[in-house]
Every structure is written in structure tokens, then in C-alpha cells.
Amino acid sequence: MKTHELEKELGISKHTIFYYEKEGIITPQRDDNGYRSYSQEDLQKLIMVKFLRNLNISIDDVKAILNNELDFK
């Protein structure tokens, strides 16, 4: 899946997608031309991120949740 397809599917900007990549949340593969190619796993992570961010959860907490590192004590 290419960046423009993710934008359309999720209703988020490419800048937001690139930000999540920079934060290490997703790691798309690159094709021979250097274009990003997103997996189904990347898509599922972005769906979860969008949901959590809509609940006003910080990006640091989102990363912790995705990595099963958040302590709810």
C-alpha cells in the first residue's frame, strides 16, 4: 500500500504518516524506486494510533501501548 492509499483509507495526511514513521511506530518497506510500501501490519497500527490519538492519548503513551510497555498502576 502506498502513502496516498493510506491517506485515503485512514483520512490522515501524509505528513502525519511520516511523523508516525519518524517516531518509530511504523517502518514501511521501500521499493526499488525508494517509494514507501506499507504492510497490513502498518495499516493496523495506524488504525490503532488514530483511535488512541482521538482519545487524546499522548504519542509517548501510544508508543508504550503498542509496545505493551504501559504500566496502568
Protein backbone atom coordinates (compact mmCIF):
# COMPACT_ATOMS: atom_id res chain seq x y z
CA MET A 1 0.00 0.00 0.00
CA LYS A 2 1.39 3.42 -0.96
CA THR A 3 1.27 6.64 1.05
CA HIS A 4 -1.62 8.15 -0.92
CA GLU A 5 -3.64 4.97 -0.40
CA LEU A 6 -3.11 5.18 3.37
CA GLU A 7 -4.12 8.85 3.33
CA LYS A 8 -7.38 7.96 1.60
CA GLU A 9 -8.05 4.84 3.70
CA LEU A 10 -7.42 6.49 7.08
CA GLY A 11 -8.28 10.12 6.39
CA ILE A 12 -4.93 11.38 7.65
CA SER A 13 -2.27 13.46 5.91
CA LYS A 14 1.00 12.15 4.52
CA HIS A 15 2.78 14.44 6.99
CA THR A 16 1.05 12.62 9.84
CA ILE A 17 2.02 9.26 8.37
CA PHE A 18 5.64 10.40 8.01
CA TYR A 19 5.58 11.69 11.60
CA TYR A 20 4.50 8.26 12.88
CA GLU A 21 7.29 6.72 10.82
CA LYS A 22 9.79 9.18 12.34
CA GLU A 23 8.51 8.23 15.81
CA GLY A 24 9.19 4.56 15.03
CA ILE A 25 5.56 3.46 15.15
CA ILE A 26 5.60 2.12 11.61
CA THR A 27 8.51 1.01 9.43
CA PRO A 28 7.44 0.81 5.80
CA GLN A 29 9.50 -1.07 3.28
CA ARG A 30 10.99 0.78 0.31
CA ASP A 31 10.56 -0.35 -3.27
CA ASP A 32 13.26 -0.16 -5.95
CA ASN A 33 12.39 3.49 -6.63
CA GLY A 34 12.58 4.42 -2.95
CA TYR A 35 8.83 4.79 -2.51
CA ARG A 36 7.34 3.66 0.78
CA SER A 37 5.28 0.48 0.78
CA TYR A 38 3.10 -0.08 3.84
CA SER A 39 2.13 -3.53 5.09
CA GLN A 40 -1.17 -4.68 6.55
CA GLU A 41 0.54 -4.53 9.95
CA ASP A 42 1.43 -0.86 9.35
CA LEU A 43 -2.20 -0.18 8.43
CA GLN A 44 -3.48 -1.90 11.59
CA LYS A 45 -1.04 0.07 13.76
CA LEU A 46 -2.14 3.34 12.18
CA ILE A 47 -5.79 2.49 12.77
CA MET A 48 -4.98 1.92 16.45
CA VAL A 49 -2.88 5.10 16.63
CA LYS A 50 -5.69 7.16 15.11
CA PHE A 51 -8.16 5.70 17.62
CA LEU A 52 -5.88 6.37 20.60
CA ARG A 53 -4.97 9.88 19.44
CA ASN A 54 -8.70 10.66 19.09
CA LEU A 55 -8.91 9.81 22.81
CA ASN A 56 -6.21 12.45 23.43
CA ILE A 57 -3.61 9.86 24.42
CA SER A 58 -0.09 11.25 24.04
CA ILE A 59 2.19 9.91 21.35
CA ASP A 60 4.57 8.57 24.02
CA ASP A 61 1.72 6.64 25.65
CA VAL A 62 0.54 5.42 22.23
CA LYS A 63 4.01 4.00 21.58
CA ALA A 64 4.03 2.38 25.02
CA ILE A 65 0.61 0.83 24.41
CA LEU A 66 1.68 -0.54 21.02
CA ASN A 67 4.83 -1.99 22.59
CA ASN A 68 2.95 -3.39 25.61
CA GLU A 69 5.07 -1.21 27.90
CA LEU A 70 2.41 0.93 29.57
CA ASP A 71 2.05 0.40 33.30
CA PHE A 72 -1.53 1.03 34.45
CA LYS A 73 -0.71 1.06 38.18
